[in-house]
PDB file of N, CA and C in Angstrom:
ATOM      1  N   MET A   1      16.635  61.451  57.150  1.00  0.00           N
ATOM      2  CA  MET A   1      15.388  61.347  57.874  1.00  0.00           C
ATOM      3  C   MET A   1      14.219  61.248  56.898  1.00  0.00           C
ATOM      4  N   ARG A   2      14.298  62.008  55.815  1.00  0.00           N
ATOM      5  CA  ARG A   2      13.189  62.053  54.859  1.00  0.00           C
ATOM      6  C   ARG A   2      12.949  60.694  54.202  1.00  0.00           C
ATOM      7  N   PHE A   3      14.005  60.002  53.812  1.00  0.00           N
ATOM      8  CA  PHE A   3      13.848  58.766  53.059  1.00  0.00           C
ATOM      9  C   PHE A   3      13.819  57.519  53.947  1.00  0.00           C
ATOM     10  N   TYR A   4      14.567  57.536  55.050  1.00  0.00           N
ATOM     11  CA  TYR A   4      14.675  56.327  55.863  1.00  0.00           C
ATOM     12  C   TYR A   4      14.022  56.447  57.238  1.00  0.00           C
ATOM     13  N   GLY A   5      13.698  57.663  57.664  1.00  0.00           N
ATOM     14  CA  GLY A   5      13.115  57.851  58.984  1.00  0.00           C
ATOM     15  C   GLY A   5      14.113  57.608  60.108  1.00  0.00           C
ATOM     16  N   VAL A   6      15.393  57.788  59.821  1.00  0.00           N
ATOM     17  CA  VAL A   6      16.446  57.562  60.803  1.00  0.00           C
ATOM     18  C   VAL A   6      16.942  58.907  61.292  1.00  0.00           C
ATOM     19  N   ASP A   7      17.025  59.074  62.613  1.00  0.00           N
ATOM     20  CA  ASP A   7      17.518  60.308  63.200  1.00  0.00           C
ATOM     21  C   ASP A   7      19.034  60.222  63.313  1.00  0.00           C
ATOM     22  N   LEU A   8      19.772  61.151  62.696  1.00  0.00           N
ATOM     23  CA  LEU A   8      21.237  61.109  62.732  1.00  0.00           C
ATOM     24  C   LEU A   8      21.789  61.355  64.132  1.00  0.00           C
ATOM     25  N   PHE A   9      20.998  61.969  65.005  1.00  0.00           N
ATOM     26  CA  PHE A   9      21.471  62.149  66.380  1.00  0.00           C
ATOM     27  C   PHE A   9      21.609  60.808  67.092  1.00  0.00           C
ATOM     28  N   ASP A  10      20.957  59.760  66.568  1.00  0.00           N
ATOM     29  CA  ASP A  10      21.130  58.422  67.129  1.00  0.00           C
ATOM     30  C   ASP A  10      22.571  57.942  66.973  1.00  0.00           C
ATOM     31  N   LEU A  11      23.296  58.494  66.025  1.00  0.00           N
ATOM     32  CA  LEU A  11      24.711  58.166  65.858  1.00  0.00           C
ATOM     33  C   LEU A  11      25.492  58.569  67.100  1.00  0.00           C
ATOM     34  N   PHE A  12      25.166  59.728  67.662  1.00  0.00           N
ATOM     35  CA  PHE A  12      25.871  60.226  68.839  1.00  0.00           C
ATOM     36  C   PHE A  12      25.290  59.672  70.135  1.00  0.00           C
ATOM     37  N   ARG A  13      24.096  59.121  70.055  1.00  0.00           N
ATOM     38  CA  ARG A  13      23.481  58.491  71.225  1.00  0.00           C
ATOM     39  C   ARG A  13      23.887  57.022  71.352  1.00  0.00           C
ATOM     40  N   GLY A  14      24.588  56.493  70.371  1.00  0.00           N
ATOM     41  CA  GLY A  14      25.053  55.116  70.411  1.00  0.00           C
ATOM     42  C   GLY A  14      24.047  54.122  69.858  1.00  0.00           C
ATOM     43  N   ARG A  15      22.975  54.587  69.259  1.00  0.00           N
ATOM     44  CA  ARG A  15      21.957  53.686  68.710  1.00  0.00           C
ATOM     45  C   ARG A  15      22.152  53.411  67.217  1.00  0.00           C
ATOM     46  N   LEU A  16      23.114  54.073  66.613  1.00  0.00           N
ATOM     47  CA  LEU A  16      23.341  53.958  65.175  1.00  0.00           C
ATOM     48  C   LEU A  16      24.837  53.923  64.934  1.00  0.00           C
ATOM     49  N   SER A  17      25.296  53.024  64.053  1.00  0.00           N
ATOM     50  CA  SER A  17      26.730  52.921  63.792  1.00  0.00           C
ATOM     51  C   SER A  17      27.110  53.748  62.565  1.00  0.00           C
ATOM     52  N   TYR A  18      28.406  54.077  62.485  1.00  0.00           N
ATOM     53  CA  TYR A  18      28.906  54.813  61.321  1.00  0.00           C
ATOM     54  C   TYR A  18      28.732  53.975  60.053  1.00  0.00           C
ATOM     55  N   ARG A  19      28.914  52.681  60.184  1.00  0.00           N
ATOM     56  CA  ARG A  19      28.751  51.798  59.030  1.00  0.00           C
ATOM     57  C   ARG A  19      27.325  51.855  58.492  1.00  0.00           C
ATOM     58  N   ARG A  20      26.336  51.867  59.400  1.00  0.00           N
ATOM     59  CA  ARG A  20      24.936  51.941  58.976  1.00  0.00           C
ATOM     60  C   ARG A  20      24.650  53.279  58.288  1.00  0.00           C
ATOM     61  N   VAL A  21      25.188  54.372  58.836  1.00  0.00           N
ATOM     62  CA  VAL A  21      25.006  55.689  58.222  1.00  0.00           C
ATOM     63  C   VAL A  21      25.610  55.695  56.821  1.00  0.00           C
ATOM     64  N   TRP A  22      26.814  55.146  56.694  1.00  0.00           N
ATOM     65  CA  TRP A  22      27.480  55.097  55.388  1.00  0.00           C
ATOM     66  C   TRP A  22      26.661  54.262  54.403  1.00  0.00           C
ATOM     67  N   SER A  23      26.155  53.137  54.863  1.00  0.00           N
ATOM     68  CA  SER A  23      25.359  52.271  54.005  1.00  0.00           C
ATOM     69  C   SER A  23      24.085  52.978  53.543  1.00  0.00           C
ATOM     70  N   LEU A  24      23.425  53.677  54.439  1.00  0.00           N
ATOM     71  CA  LEU A  24      22.209  54.414  54.062  1.00  0.00           C
ATOM     72  C   LEU A  24      22.526  55.543  53.092  1.00  0.00           C
ATOM     73  N   MET A  25      23.646  56.228  53.309  1.00  0.00           N
ATOM     74  CA  MET A  25      24.020  57.340  52.417  1.00  0.00           C
ATOM     75  C   MET A  25      24.343  56.838  51.018  1.00  0.00           C
ATOM     76  N   GLN A  26      24.940  55.666  50.908  1.00  0.00           N
ATOM     77  CA  GLN A  26      25.295  55.116  49.601  1.00  0.00           C
ATOM     78  C   GLN A  26      24.061  54.750  48.789  1.00  0.00           C
ATOM     79  N   ARG A  27      22.958  54.486  49.461  1.00  0.00           N
ATOM     80  CA  ARG A  27      21.744  54.057  48.772  1.00  0.00           C
ATOM     81  C   ARG A  27      20.667  55.141  48.711  1.00  0.00           C
ATOM     82  N   LEU A  28      21.054  56.384  48.948  1.00  0.00           N
ATOM     83  CA  LEU A  28      20.082  57.474  48.841  1.00  0.00           C
ATOM     84  C   LEU A  28      19.620  57.609  47.394  1.00  0.00           C
ATOM     85  N   PRO A  29      18.354  57.919  47.169  1.00  0.00           N
ATOM     86  CA  PRO A  29      17.880  58.116  45.795  1.00  0.00           C
ATOM     87  C   PRO A  29      18.495  59.364  45.170  1.00  0.00           C
ATOM     88  N   GLN A  30      18.500  59.421  43.849  1.00  0.00           N
ATOM     89  CA  GLN A  30      19.107  60.537  43.129  1.00  0.00           C
ATOM     90  C   GLN A  30      18.441  61.868  43.449  1.00  0.00           C
ATOM     91  N   GLU A  31      17.167  61.856  43.846  1.00  0.00           N
ATOM     92  CA  GLU A  31      16.490  63.122  44.110  1.00  0.00           C
ATOM     93  C   GLU A  31      16.716  63.642  45.526  1.00  0.00           C
ATOM     94  N   SER A  32      17.541  62.969  46.335  1.00  0.00           N
ATOM     95  CA  SER A  32      17.828  63.455  47.691  1.00  0.00           C
ATOM     96  C   SER A  32      18.770  64.659  47.616  1.00  0.00           C
ATOM     97  N   TRP A  33      18.709  65.501  48.643  1.00  0.00           N
ATOM     98  CA  TRP A  33      19.572  66.698  48.676  1.00  0.00           C
ATOM     99  C   TRP A  33      21.041  66.309  48.681  1.00  0.00           C
ATOM    100  N   THR A  34      21.391  65.270  49.428  1.00  0.00           N
ATOM    101  CA  THR A  34      22.792  64.854  49.520  1.00  0.00           C
ATOM    102  C   THR A  34      23.327  64.439  48.157  1.00  0.00           C
ATOM    103  N   GLN A  35      22.580  63.607  47.438  1.00  0.00           N
ATOM    104  CA  GLN A  35      23.026  63.183  46.112  1.00  0.00           C
ATOM    105  C   GLN A  35      23.082  64.360  45.150  1.00  0.00           C
ATOM    106  N   THR A  36      22.151  65.284  45.252  1.00  0.00           N
ATOM    107  CA  THR A  36      22.144  66.455  44.371  1.00  0.00           C
ATOM    108  C   THR A  36      23.377  67.304  44.596  1.00  0.00           C
ATOM    109  N   ILE A  37      23.720  67.557  45.846  1.00  0.00           N
ATOM    110  CA  ILE A  37      24.890  68.384  46.148  1.00  0.00           C
ATOM    111  C   ILE A  37      26.168  67.681  45.695  1.00  0.00           C
ATOM    112  N   LEU A  38      26.284  66.380  45.970  1.00  0.00           N
ATOM    113  CA  LEU A  38      27.477  65.645  45.553  1.00  0.00           C
ATOM    114  C   LEU A  38      27.594  65.578  44.035  1.00  0.00           C
ATOM    115  N   ARG A  39      26.478  65.447  43.355  1.00  0.00           N
ATOM    116  CA  ARG A  39      26.462  65.317  41.905  1.00  0.00           C
ATOM    117  C   ARG A  39      26.821  66.640  41.223  1.00  0.00           C
ATOM    118  N   ASP A  40      26.396  67.761  41.778  1.00  0.00           N
ATOM    119  CA  ASP A  40      26.571  69.049  41.115  1.00  0.00           C
ATOM    120  C   ASP A  40      27.890  69.736  41.416  1.00  0.00           C
ATOM    121  N   ARG A  41      28.580  69.317  42.441  1.00  0.00           N
ATOM    122  CA  ARG A  41      29.820  70.019  42.770  1.00  0.00           C
ATOM    123  C   ARG A  41      30.948  69.565  41.854  1.00  0.00           C
ATOM    124  N   PRO A  42      31.840  70.478  41.488  1.00  0.00           N
ATOM    125  CA  PRO A  42      33.021  70.053  40.732  1.00  0.00           C
ATOM    126  C   PRO A  42      33.891  69.144  41.588  1.00  0.00           C
ATOM    127  N   VAL A  43      34.630  68.270  40.958  1.00  0.00           N
ATOM    128  CA  VAL A  43      35.429  67.275  41.672  1.00  0.00           C
ATOM    129  C   VAL A  43      36.479  67.939  42.555  1.00  0.00           C
ATOM    130  N   THR A  44      37.027  69.065  42.128  1.00  0.00           N
ATOM    131  CA  THR A  44      38.138  69.687  42.841  1.00  0.00           C
ATOM    132  C   THR A  44      37.688  70.577  43.992  1.00  0.00           C
ATOM    133  N   GLU A  45      36.392  70.863  44.127  1.00  0.00           N
ATOM    134  CA  GLU A  45      35.919  71.762  45.175  1.00  0.00           C
ATOM    135  C   GLU A  45      35.318  70.976  46.328  1.00  0.00           C
ATOM    136  N   PRO A  46      35.426  71.521  47.566  1.00  0.00           N
ATOM    137  CA  PRO A  46      34.777  70.860  48.697  1.00  0.00           C
ATOM    138  C   PRO A  46      33.263  71.043  48.619  1.00  0.00           C
ATOM    139  N   LEU A  47      32.547  70.385  49.511  1.00  0.00           N
ATOM    140  CA  LEU A  47      31.096  70.535  49.537  1.00  0.00           C
ATOM    141  C   LEU A  47      30.721  72.001  49.745  1.00  0.00           C
ATOM    142  N   PRO A  48      29.724  72.481  49.044  1.00  0.00           N
ATOM    143  CA  PRO A  48      29.328  73.877  49.204  1.00  0.00           C
ATOM    144  C   PRO A  48      28.723  74.130  50.583  1.00  0.00           C
ATOM    145  N   ALA A  49      28.809  75.379  51.045  1.00  0.00           N
ATOM    146  CA  ALA A  49      28.296  75.729  52.360  1.00  0.00           C
ATOM    147  C   ALA A  49      26.792  75.944  52.351  1.00  0.00           C
ATOM    148  N   ARG A  50      26.217  76.219  51.195  1.00  0.00           N
ATOM    149  CA  ARG A  50      24.786  76.470  51.144  1.00  0.00           C
ATOM    150  C   ARG A  50      23.995  75.175  51.254  1.00  0.00           C
ATOM    151  N   SER A  51      22.744  75.296  51.647  1.00  0.00           N
ATOM    152  CA  SER A  51      21.963  74.093  51.936  1.00  0.00           C
ATOM    153  C   SER A  51      21.165  73.596  50.746  1.00  0.00           C
ATOM    154  N   GLY A  52      20.976  74.383  49.714  1.00  0.00           N
ATOM    155  CA  GLY A  52      20.164  73.975  48.577  1.00  0.00           C
ATOM    156  C   GLY A  52      21.003  73.430  47.448  1.00  0.00           C
ATOM    157  N   PRO A  53      20.341  72.980  46.397  1.00  0.00           N
ATOM    158  CA  PRO A  53      21.078  72.479  45.240  1.00  0.00           C
ATOM    159  C   PRO A  53      21.731  73.613  44.473  1.00  0.00           C
ATOM    160  N   LEU A  54      22.658  73.267  43.620  1.00  0.00           N
ATOM    161  CA  LEU A  54      23.332  74.281  42.818  1.00  0.00           C
ATOM    162  C   LEU A  54      22.531  74.542  41.552  1.00  0.00           C
ATOM    163  N   ARG A  55      23.111  74.364  40.382  1.00  0.00           N
ATOM    164  CA  ARG A  55      22.417  74.664  39.131  1.00  0.00           C
ATOM    165  C   ARG A  55      21.224  73.759  38.884  1.00  0.00           C
ATOM    166  N   PHE A  56      21.403  72.489  39.109  1.00  0.00           N
ATOM    167  CA  PHE A  56      20.372  71.521  38.790  1.00  0.00           C
ATOM    168  C   PHE A  56      19.654  71.116  40.064  1.00  0.00           C
ATOM    169  N   GLY A  57      18.369  70.975  39.978  1.00  0.00           N
ATOM    170  CA  GLY A  57      17.616  70.488  41.122  1.00  0.00           C
ATOM    171  C   GLY A  57      17.766  68.985  41.234  1.00  0.00           C
ATOM    172  N   PRO A  58      17.077  68.408  42.170  1.00  0.00           N
ATOM    173  CA  PRO A  58      17.149  66.956  42.300  1.00  0.00           C
ATOM    174  C   PRO A  58      16.516  66.268  41.100  1.00  0.00           C
ATOM    175  N   TRP A  59      17.231  65.343  40.503  1.00  0.00           N
ATOM    176  CA  TRP A  59      16.730  64.602  39.348  1.00  0.00           C
ATOM    177  C   TRP A  59      16.362  63.204  39.765  1.00  0.00           C
ATOM    178  N   SER A  60      15.210  62.769  39.351  1.00  0.00           N
ATOM    179  CA  SER A  60      14.810  61.385  39.595  1.00  0.00           C
ATOM    180  C   SER A  60      15.143  60.562  38.353  1.00  0.00           C
ATOM    181  N   GLN A  61      14.897  59.268  38.436  1.00  0.00           N
ATOM    182  CA  GLN A  61      15.194  58.408  37.290  1.00  0.00           C
ATOM    183  C   GLN A  61      14.329  58.784  36.091  1.00  0.00           C
ATOM    184  N   SER A  62      13.083  59.186  36.344  1.00  0.00           N
ATOM    185  CA  SER A  62      12.211  59.572  35.231  1.00  0.00           C
ATOM    186  C   SER A  62      12.733  60.829  34.536  1.00  0.00           C
ATOM    187  N   ASP A  63      13.379  61.736  35.281  1.00  0.00           N
ATOM    188  CA  ASP A  63      13.974  62.916  34.652  1.00  0.00           C
ATOM    189  C   ASP A  63      15.116  62.519  33.709  1.00  0.00           C
ATOM    190  N   TYR A  64      15.938  61.569  34.153  1.00  0.00           N
ATOM    191  CA  TYR A  64      17.016  61.088  33.291  1.00  0.00           C
ATOM    192  C   TYR A  64      16.456  60.401  32.046  1.00  0.00           C
ATOM    193  N   LEU A  65      15.378  59.641  32.217  1.00  0.00           N
ATOM    194  CA  LEU A  65      14.764  58.975  31.065  1.00  0.00           C
ATOM    195  C   LEU A  65      14.192  59.986  30.077  1.00  0.00           C
ATOM    196  N   ARG A  66      13.564  61.043  30.594  1.00  0.00           N
ATOM    197  CA  ARG A  66      13.037  62.090  29.702  1.00  0.00           C
ATOM    198  C   ARG A  66      14.161  62.777  28.936  1.00  0.00           C
ATOM    199  N   ALA A  67      15.270  63.047  29.621  1.00  0.00           N
ATOM    200  CA  ALA A  67      16.407  63.670  28.947  1.00  0.00           C
ATOM    201  C   ALA A  67      16.958  62.747  27.862  1.00  0.00           C
ATOM    202  N   SER A  68      16.988  61.448  28.127  1.00  0.00           N
ATOM    203  CA  SER A  68      17.453  60.495  27.113  1.00  0.00           C
ATOM    204  C   SER A  68      16.505  60.456  25.924  1.00  0.00           C
ATOM    205  N   GLN A  69      15.210  60.573  26.179  1.00  0.00           N
ATOM    206  CA  GLN A  69      14.238  60.610  25.083  1.00  0.00           C
ATOM    207  C   GLN A  69      14.428  61.849  24.219  1.00  0.00           C
ATOM    208  N   ILE A  70      14.651  62.973  24.861  1.00  0.00           N
ATOM    209  CA  ILE A  70      14.878  64.208  24.105  1.00  0.00           C
ATOM    210  C   ILE A  70      16.132  64.083  23.254  1.00  0.00           C
ATOM    211  N   ASP A  71      17.200  63.521  23.829  1.00  0.00           N
ATOM    212  CA  ASP A  71      18.436  63.324  23.063  1.00  0.00           C
ATOM    213  C   ASP A  71      18.195  62.418  21.859  1.00  0.00           C
ATOM    214  N   ALA A  72      17.429  61.346  22.058  1.00  0.00           N
ATOM    215  CA  ALA A  72      17.149  60.415  20.962  1.00  0.00           C
ATOM    216  C   ALA A  72      16.339  61.104  19.858  1.00  0.00           C
ATOM    217  N   LEU A  73      15.358  61.900  20.238  1.00  0.00           N
ATOM    218  CA  LEU A  73      14.565  62.618  19.232  1.00  0.00           C
ATOM    219  C   LEU A  73      15.407  63.624  18.464  1.00  0.00           C
ATOM    220  N   ARG A  74      16.294  64.306  19.162  1.00  0.00           N
ATOM    221  CA  ARG A  74      17.169  65.275  18.480  1.00  0.00           C
ATOM    222  C   ARG A  74      18.112  64.575  17.499  1.00  0.00           C
ATOM    223  N   ARG A  75      18.641  63.414  17.901  1.00  0.00           N
ATOM    224  CA  ARG A  75      19.512  62.666  16.986  1.00  0.00           C
ATOM    225  C   ARG A  75      18.727  62.156  15.783  1.00  0.00           C
ATOM    226  N   LEU A  76      17.498  61.722  16.013  1.00  0.00           N
ATOM    227  CA  LEU A  76      16.649  61.267  14.912  1.00  0.00           C
ATOM    228  C   LEU A  76      16.363  62.407  13.942  1.00  0.00           C
ATOM    229  N   GLU A  77      16.072  63.591  14.472  1.00  0.00           N
ATOM    230  CA  GLU A  77      15.850  64.747  13.605  1.00  0.00           C
ATOM    231  C   GLU A  77      17.111  65.066  12.804  1.00  0.00           C
ATOM    232  N   TYR A  78      18.278  64.963  13.469  1.00  0.00           N
ATOM    233  CA  TYR A  78      19.542  65.216  12.791  1.00  0.00           C
ATOM    234  C   TYR A  78      19.727  64.255  11.614  1.00  0.00           C
ATOM    235  N   VAL A  79      19.493  62.961  11.863  1.00  0.00           N
ATOM    236  CA  VAL A  79      19.663  61.959  10.808  1.00  0.00           C
ATOM    237  C   VAL A  79      18.698  62.218   9.658  1.00  0.00           C
ATOM    238  N   LEU A  80      17.443  62.480   9.969  1.00  0.00           N
ATOM    239  CA  LEU A  80      16.448  62.715   8.918  1.00  0.00           C
ATOM    240  C   LEU A  80      16.777  63.951   8.085  1.00  0.00           C
ATOM    241  N   ARG A  81      17.231  64.996   8.731  1.00  0.00           N
ATOM    242  CA  ARG A  81      17.560  66.208   7.976  1.00  0.00           C
ATOM    243  C   ARG A  81      18.801  66.006   7.116  1.00  0.00           C
ATOM    244  N   ARG A  82      19.782  65.263   7.648  1.00  0.00           N
ATOM    245  CA  ARG A  82      20.995  65.010   6.865  1.00  0.00           C
ATOM    246  C   ARG A  82      20.697  64.116   5.654  1.00  0.00           C
ATOM    247  N   VAL A  83      19.852  63.096   5.847  1.00  0.00           N
ATOM    248  CA  VAL A  83      19.495  62.190   4.759  1.00  0.00           C
ATOM    249  C   VAL A  83      18.739  62.936   3.664  1.00  0.00           C
ATOM    250  N   ASN A  84      17.944  63.909   4.067  1.00  0.00           N
ATOM    251  CA  ASN A  84      17.151  64.666   3.107  1.00  0.00           C
ATOM    252  C   ASN A  84      17.873  65.880   2.539  1.00  0.00           C
ATOM    253  N   GLY A  85      19.167  65.969   2.737  1.00  0.00           N
ATOM    254  CA  GLY A  85      19.965  66.952   2.034  1.00  0.00           C
ATOM    255  C   GLY A  85      20.334  68.206   2.802  1.00  0.00           C
ATOM    256  N   ASP A  86      19.980  68.347   4.056  1.00  0.00           N
ATOM    257  CA  ASP A  86      20.347  69.536   4.828  1.00  0.00           C
ATOM    258  C   ASP A  86      21.725  69.298   5.445  1.00  0.00           C
ATOM    259  N   ASP A  87      22.779  69.623   4.690  1.00  0.00           N
ATOM    260  CA  ASP A  87      24.148  69.353   5.142  1.00  0.00           C
ATOM    261  C   ASP A  87      24.630  70.331   6.200  1.00  0.00           C
ATOM    262  N   ARG A  88      23.929  71.432   6.384  1.00  0.00           N
ATOM    263  CA  ARG A  88      24.375  72.444   7.342  1.00  0.00           C
ATOM    264  C   ARG A  88      23.778  72.235   8.737  1.00  0.00           C
ATOM    265  N   PHE A  89      22.900  71.267   8.905  1.00  0.00           N
ATOM    266  CA  PHE A  89      22.260  71.039  10.202  1.00  0.00           C
ATOM    267  C   PHE A  89      23.280  70.429  11.159  1.00  0.00           C
ATOM    268  N   PRO A  90      23.568  71.079  12.316  1.00  0.00           N
ATOM    269  CA  PRO A  90      24.620  70.586  13.220  1.00  0.00           C
ATOM    270  C   PRO A  90      24.151  69.398  14.054  1.00  0.00           C
ATOM    271  N   PHE A  91      25.116  68.614  14.484  1.00  0.00           N
ATOM    272  CA  PHE A  91      24.807  67.494  15.380  1.00  0.00           C
ATOM    273  C   PHE A  91      24.334  68.061  16.712  1.00  0.00           C
ATOM    274  N   PRO A  92      23.249  67.532  17.285  1.00  0.00           N
ATOM    275  CA  PRO A  92      22.685  68.126  18.502  1.00  0.00           C
ATOM    276  C   PRO A  92      23.524  67.847  19.749  1.00  0.00           C
ATOM    277  N   ASP A  93      23.545  68.826  20.647  1.00  0.00           N
ATOM    278  CA  ASP A  93      24.187  68.647  21.947  1.00  0.00           C
ATOM    279  C   ASP A  93      23.230  67.899  22.869  1.00  0.00           C
ATOM    280  N   PRO A  94      23.752  67.091  23.770  1.00  0.00           N
ATOM    281  CA  PRO A  94      22.854  66.391  24.700  1.00  0.00           C
ATOM    282  C   PRO A  94      22.245  67.363  25.714  1.00  0.00           C
ATOM    283  N   VAL A  95      21.131  66.980  26.273  1.00  0.00           N
ATOM    284  CA  VAL A  95      20.494  67.770  27.318  1.00  0.00           C
ATOM    285  C   VAL A  95      21.440  67.799  28.518  1.00  0.00           C
ATOM    286  N   PRO A  96      21.704  68.985  29.070  1.00  0.00           N
ATOM    287  CA  PRO A  96      22.598  69.038  30.239  1.00  0.00           C
ATOM    288  C   PRO A  96      22.032  68.242  31.403  1.00  0.00           C
ATOM    289  N   ARG A  97      22.872  67.416  31.979  1.00  0.00           N
ATOM    290  CA  ARG A  97      22.484  66.605  33.129  1.00  0.00           C
ATOM    291  C   ARG A  97      23.372  66.985  34.303  1.00  0.00           C
ATOM    292  N   PRO A  98      22.905  66.754  35.510  1.00  0.00           N
ATOM    293  CA  PRO A  98      23.739  67.067  36.675  1.00  0.00           C
ATOM    294  C   PRO A  98      25.059  66.326  36.625  1.00  0.00           C
ATOM    295  N   GLY A  99      26.140  67.061  36.861  1.00  0.00           N
ATOM    296  CA  GLY A  99      27.464  66.457  36.913  1.00  0.00           C
ATOM    297  C   GLY A  99      28.138  66.278  35.571  1.00  0.00           C
ATOM    298  N   MET A 100      27.511  66.700  34.456  1.00  0.00           N
ATOM    299  CA  MET A 100      28.127  66.505  33.143  1.00  0.00           C
ATOM    300  C   MET A 100      29.359  67.364  32.943  1.00  0.00           C
ATOM    301  N   ASP A 101      29.457  68.498  33.653  1.00  0.00           N
ATOM    302  CA  ASP A 101      30.600  69.374  33.469  1.00  0.00           C
ATOM    303  C   ASP A 101      31.780  68.983  34.359  1.00  0.00           C
ATOM    304  N   ARG A 102      31.634  67.879  35.081  1.00  0.00           N
ATOM    305  CA  ARG A 102      32.724  67.436  35.937  1.00  0.00           C
ATOM    306  C   ARG A 102      33.860  66.863  35.096  1.00  0.00           C
ATOM    307  N   PRO A 103      35.097  67.167  35.445  1.00  0.00           N
ATOM    308  CA  PRO A 103      36.213  66.597  34.692  1.00  0.00           C
ATOM    309  C   PRO A 103      36.314  65.098  34.916  1.00  0.00           C
ATOM    310  N   VAL A 104      36.775  64.396  33.912  1.00  0.00           N
ATOM    311  CA  VAL A 104      36.928  62.948  33.988  1.00  0.00           C
ATOM    312  C   VAL A 104      38.252  62.645  34.669  1.00  0.00           C
ATOM    313  N   ARG A 105      38.206  61.777  35.663  1.00  0.00           N
ATOM    314  CA  ARG A 105      39.437  61.382  36.340  1.00  0.00           C
ATOM    315  C   ARG A 105      40.093  60.246  35.574  1.00  0.00           C
ATOM    316  N   ARG A 106      41.355  60.368  35.309  1.00  0.00           N
ATOM    317  CA  ARG A 106      42.114  59.332  34.613  1.00  0.00           C
ATOM    318  C   ARG A 106      43.004  58.611  35.607  1.00  0.00           C
ATOM    319  N   GLN A 107      43.128  57.305  35.434  1.00  0.00           N
ATOM    320  CA  GLN A 107      44.000  56.512  36.285  1.00  0.00           C
ATOM    321  C   GLN A 107      45.433  56.624  35.774  1.00  0.00           C
ATOM    322  N   THR A 108      46.364  56.707  36.700  1.00  0.00           N
ATOM    323  CA  THR A 108      47.771  56.720  36.316  1.00  0.00           C
ATOM    324  C   THR A 108      48.184  55.301  35.926  1.00  0.00           C
ATOM    325  N   ASP A 109      49.284  55.197  35.204  1.00  0.00           N
ATOM    326  CA  ASP A 109      49.781  53.880  34.797  1.00  0.00           C
ATOM    327  C   ASP A 109      50.126  53.017  36.006  1.00  0.00           C
ATOM    328  N   ALA A 110      50.667  53.650  37.055  1.00  0.00           N
ATOM    329  CA  ALA A 110      51.018  52.899  38.266  1.00  0.00           C
ATOM    330  C   ALA A 110      49.756  52.331  38.931  1.00  0.00           C
ATOM    331  N   ALA A 111      48.689  53.120  38.959  1.00  0.00           N
ATOM    332  CA  ALA A 111      47.442  52.646  39.576  1.00  0.00           C
ATOM    333  C   ALA A 111      46.845  51.497  38.772  1.00  0.00           C
ATOM    334  N   VAL A 112      46.908  51.589  37.443  1.00  0.00           N
ATOM    335  CA  VAL A 112      46.376  50.517  36.592  1.00  0.00           C
ATOM    336  C   VAL A 112      47.163  49.232  36.807  1.00  0.00           C
ATOM    337  N   THR A 113      48.484  49.335  36.875  1.00  0.00           N
ATOM    338  CA  THR A 113      49.332  48.166  37.104  1.00  0.00           C
ATOM    339  C   THR A 113      49.025  47.542  38.461  1.00  0.00           C
ATOM    340  N   TYR A 114      48.860  48.386  39.486  1.00  0.00           N
ATOM    341  CA  TYR A 114      48.550  47.898  40.830  1.00  0.00           C
ATOM    342  C   TYR A 114      47.206  47.168  40.845  1.00  0.00           C
ATOM    343  N   LEU A 115      46.193  47.749  40.211  1.00  0.00           N
ATOM    344  CA  LEU A 115      44.865  47.130  40.179  1.00  0.00           C
ATOM    345  C   LEU A 115      44.883  45.808  39.401  1.00  0.00           C
ATOM    346  N   LYS A 116      45.628  45.751  38.307  1.00  0.00           N
ATOM    347  CA  LYS A 116      45.742  44.496  37.557  1.00  0.00           C
ATOM    348  C   LYS A 116      46.407  43.417  38.397  1.00  0.00           C
ATOM    349  N   GLY A 117      47.418  43.819  39.210  1.00  0.00           N
ATOM    350  CA  GLY A 117      48.073  42.862  40.098  1.00  0.00           C
ATOM    351  C   GLY A 117      47.113  42.331  41.151  1.00  0.00           C
ATOM    352  N   LEU A 118      46.273  43.213  41.702  1.00  0.00           N
ATOM    353  CA  LEU A 118      45.282  42.768  42.688  1.00  0.00           C
ATOM    354  C   LEU A 118      44.269  41.810  42.083  1.00  0.00           C
ATOM    355  N   ARG A 119      43.844  42.100  40.860  1.00  0.00           N
ATOM    356  CA  ARG A 119      42.876  41.221  40.185  1.00  0.00           C
ATOM    357  C   ARG A 119      43.494  39.865  39.882  1.00  0.00           C
ATOM    358  N   ALA A 120      44.778  39.859  39.518  1.00  0.00           N
ATOM    359  CA  ALA A 120      45.438  38.599  39.205  1.00  0.00           C
ATOM    360  C   ALA A 120      45.581  37.728  40.458  1.00  0.00           C
ATOM    361  N   LYS A 121      45.820  38.355  41.602  1.00  0.00           N
ATOM    362  CA  LYS A 121      45.948  37.588  42.849  1.00  0.00           C
ATOM    363  C   LYS A 121      44.610  37.005  43.285  1.00  0.00           C
ATOM    364  N   GLY A 122      43.542  37.756  43.021  1.00  0.00           N
ATOM    365  CA  GLY A 122      42.215  37.301  43.446  1.00  0.00           C
ATOM    366  C   GLY A 122      41.607  36.277  42.514  1.00  0.00           C
ATOM    367  N   ALA A 123      42.102  36.162  41.291  1.00  0.00           N
ATOM    368  CA  ALA A 123      41.497  35.258  40.320  1.00  0.00           C
ATOM    369  C   ALA A 123      42.016  33.877  40.392  1.00  0.00           C
TER     370      ALA A 123
END
């Protein structure tokens, strides 16, 4: 409702389709509550029962850009200190971003073979 002005009760009134709801949800901005909750939850856990964000609040694109700038400055400081002889200066950790602690999903060999077969048929 906040971003699109669409009432979800219209879904049950027959004025809105599930496809339209899905399409709108896929294009929600990063600072929406839905994207924040989905981004912050671990992959193996269901959606949390609470209504607010978890550790990280809603991040906009400018927040991600600021975090990237901080990371770049820290790496630049690291390089300058190492070049000038400070061998004990550690490599900087990146600024924590929402969802960074999520485990990476790996594709099984069977899934990769299946996907390659689908791509070969479509090409």
